[in-house]
Amino acid sequence: MDTLKFKTNIKCGGCIATVKPHLDSLNDLKSWEVDTQGADKILTADGDVANLSQQIIDVLAKAGFKAEKI
């Protein structure tokens, strides 16, 4: 399993509630969390497939958020 990190613009609990159904719909994503206290709002995600990074970026864009892999 790979751990991926993304800089996002997910700022608060309301934002997390908005992206939750989108991220939870990704079958290859095993777990995820967002550090809304840090300046970079880091999303940490664990999953198993090679293209998971792009899937996460795409699903967050659909939900109206930005993600940049770090």
C-alpha atoms as a PDB file:
ATOM      1  CA  MET A   1       0.000   0.000   0.000  1.00  0.00           C
ATOM      2  CA  ASP A   2       1.268   3.454  -0.896  1.00  0.00           C
ATOM      3  CA  THR A   3       0.836   6.622   1.147  1.00  0.00           C
ATOM      4  CA  LEU A   4       0.213   9.716  -0.943  1.00  0.00           C
ATOM      5  CA  LYS A   5       0.219  13.357   0.176  1.00  0.00           C
ATOM      6  CA  PHE A   6      -1.466  16.314  -1.476  1.00  0.00           C
ATOM      7  CA  LYS A   7      -1.523  20.033  -0.780  1.00  0.00           C
ATOM      8  CA  THR A   8      -5.202  21.053  -0.932  1.00  0.00           C
ATOM      9  CA  ASN A   9      -7.583  23.941  -0.363  1.00  0.00           C
ATOM     10  CA  ILE A  10      -9.803  21.868   1.973  1.00  0.00           C
ATOM     11  CA  LYS A  11     -10.111  24.301   4.891  1.00  0.00           C
ATOM     12  CA  CYS A  12     -12.667  23.037   7.410  1.00  0.00           C
ATOM     13  CA  GLY A  13     -15.038  20.343   8.561  1.00  0.00           C
ATOM     14  CA  GLY A  14     -17.650  21.530   6.081  1.00  0.00           C
ATOM     15  CA  CYS A  15     -15.175  21.083   3.245  1.00  0.00           C
ATOM     16  CA  ILE A  16     -14.337  17.599   4.504  1.00  0.00           C
ATOM     17  CA  ALA A  17     -18.043  16.749   4.583  1.00  0.00           C
ATOM     18  CA  THR A  18     -18.295  17.899   0.951  1.00  0.00           C
ATOM     19  CA  VAL A  19     -15.381  15.772  -0.296  1.00  0.00           C
ATOM     20  CA  LYS A  20     -16.108  12.706   1.874  1.00  0.00           C
ATOM     21  CA  PRO A  21     -18.621  11.008  -0.466  1.00  0.00           C
ATOM     22  CA  HIS A  22     -16.366  11.682  -3.442  1.00  0.00           C
ATOM     23  CA  LEU A  23     -13.228  10.239  -1.823  1.00  0.00           C
ATOM     24  CA  ASP A  24     -15.154   7.365  -0.242  1.00  0.00           C
ATOM     25  CA  SER A  25     -16.409   6.395  -3.718  1.00  0.00           C
ATOM     26  CA  LEU A  26     -12.852   5.522  -4.829  1.00  0.00           C
ATOM     27  CA  ASN A  27     -12.625   1.745  -4.331  1.00  0.00           C
ATOM     28  CA  ASP A  28      -8.807   1.745  -4.441  1.00  0.00           C
ATOM     29  CA  LEU A  29      -8.534   4.371  -1.698  1.00  0.00           C
ATOM     30  CA  LYS A  30      -8.225   2.538   1.626  1.00  0.00           C
ATOM     31  CA  SER A  31      -8.093   5.511   4.001  1.00  0.00           C
ATOM     32  CA  TRP A  32      -7.652   9.281   3.953  1.00  0.00           C
ATOM     33  CA  GLU A  33      -7.485  12.283   6.252  1.00  0.00           C
ATOM     34  CA  VAL A  34      -6.970  16.023   5.924  1.00  0.00           C
ATOM     35  CA  ASP A  35      -4.900  18.157   8.296  1.00  0.00           C
ATOM     36  CA  THR A  36      -7.008  21.328   8.296  1.00  0.00           C
ATOM     37  CA  GLN A  37      -4.822  22.889  11.011  1.00  0.00           C
ATOM     38  CA  GLY A  38      -1.650  23.020   8.872  1.00  0.00           C
ATOM     39  CA  ALA A  39      -1.023  25.847   6.423  1.00  0.00           C
ATOM     40  CA  ASP A  40      -0.891  23.504   3.414  1.00  0.00           C
ATOM     41  CA  LYS A  41      -4.086  21.566   4.330  1.00  0.00           C
ATOM     42  CA  ILE A  42      -2.380  18.226   3.620  1.00  0.00           C
ATOM     43  CA  LEU A  43      -4.522  15.302   2.471  1.00  0.00           C
ATOM     44  CA  THR A  44      -2.865  11.983   3.347  1.00  0.00           C
ATOM     45  CA  ALA A  45      -4.266   8.996   1.470  1.00  0.00           C
ATOM     46  CA  ASP A  46      -3.473   5.271   1.464  1.00  0.00           C
ATOM     47  CA  GLY A  47      -4.234   3.039  -1.494  1.00  0.00           C
ATOM     48  CA  ASP A  48      -3.062   0.309  -3.816  1.00  0.00           C
ATOM     49  CA  VAL A  49      -3.107   1.380  -7.472  1.00  0.00           C
ATOM     50  CA  ALA A  50      -0.595   3.247  -9.599  1.00  0.00           C
ATOM     51  CA  ASN A  51      -3.041   5.863 -10.907  1.00  0.00           C
ATOM     52  CA  LEU A  52      -4.625   6.635  -7.529  1.00  0.00           C
ATOM     53  CA  SER A  53      -2.972  10.077  -7.406  1.00  0.00           C
ATOM     54  CA  GLN A  54      -4.754  11.175 -10.557  1.00  0.00           C
ATOM     55  CA  GLN A  55      -8.037   9.662  -9.379  1.00  0.00           C
ATOM     56  CA  ILE A  56      -7.836  11.695  -6.160  1.00  0.00           C
ATOM     57  CA  ILE A  57      -6.963  14.910  -8.021  1.00  0.00           C
ATOM     58  CA  ASP A  58      -9.847  14.348 -10.467  1.00  0.00           C
ATOM     59  CA  VAL A  59     -12.467  13.502  -7.823  1.00  0.00           C
ATOM     60  CA  LEU A  60     -11.499  16.535  -5.716  1.00  0.00           C
ATOM     61  CA  ALA A  61     -11.761  18.751  -8.808  1.00  0.00           C
ATOM     62  CA  LYS A  62     -15.299  17.410  -9.386  1.00  0.00           C
ATOM     63  CA  ALA A  63     -16.114  18.389  -5.796  1.00  0.00           C
ATOM     64  CA  GLY A  64     -14.720  21.898  -6.408  1.00  0.00           C
ATOM     65  CA  PHE A  65     -11.362  21.556  -4.644  1.00  0.00           C
ATOM     66  CA  LYS A  66      -7.735  21.655  -5.742  1.00  0.00           C
ATOM     67  CA  ALA A  67      -5.089  19.049  -4.945  1.00  0.00           C
ATOM     68  CA  GLU A  68      -1.406  19.050  -5.821  1.00  0.00           C
ATOM     69  CA  LYS A  69       0.685  15.944  -5.161  1.00  0.00           C
ATOM     70  CA  ILE A  70       3.687  16.574  -2.927  1.00  0.00           C
END
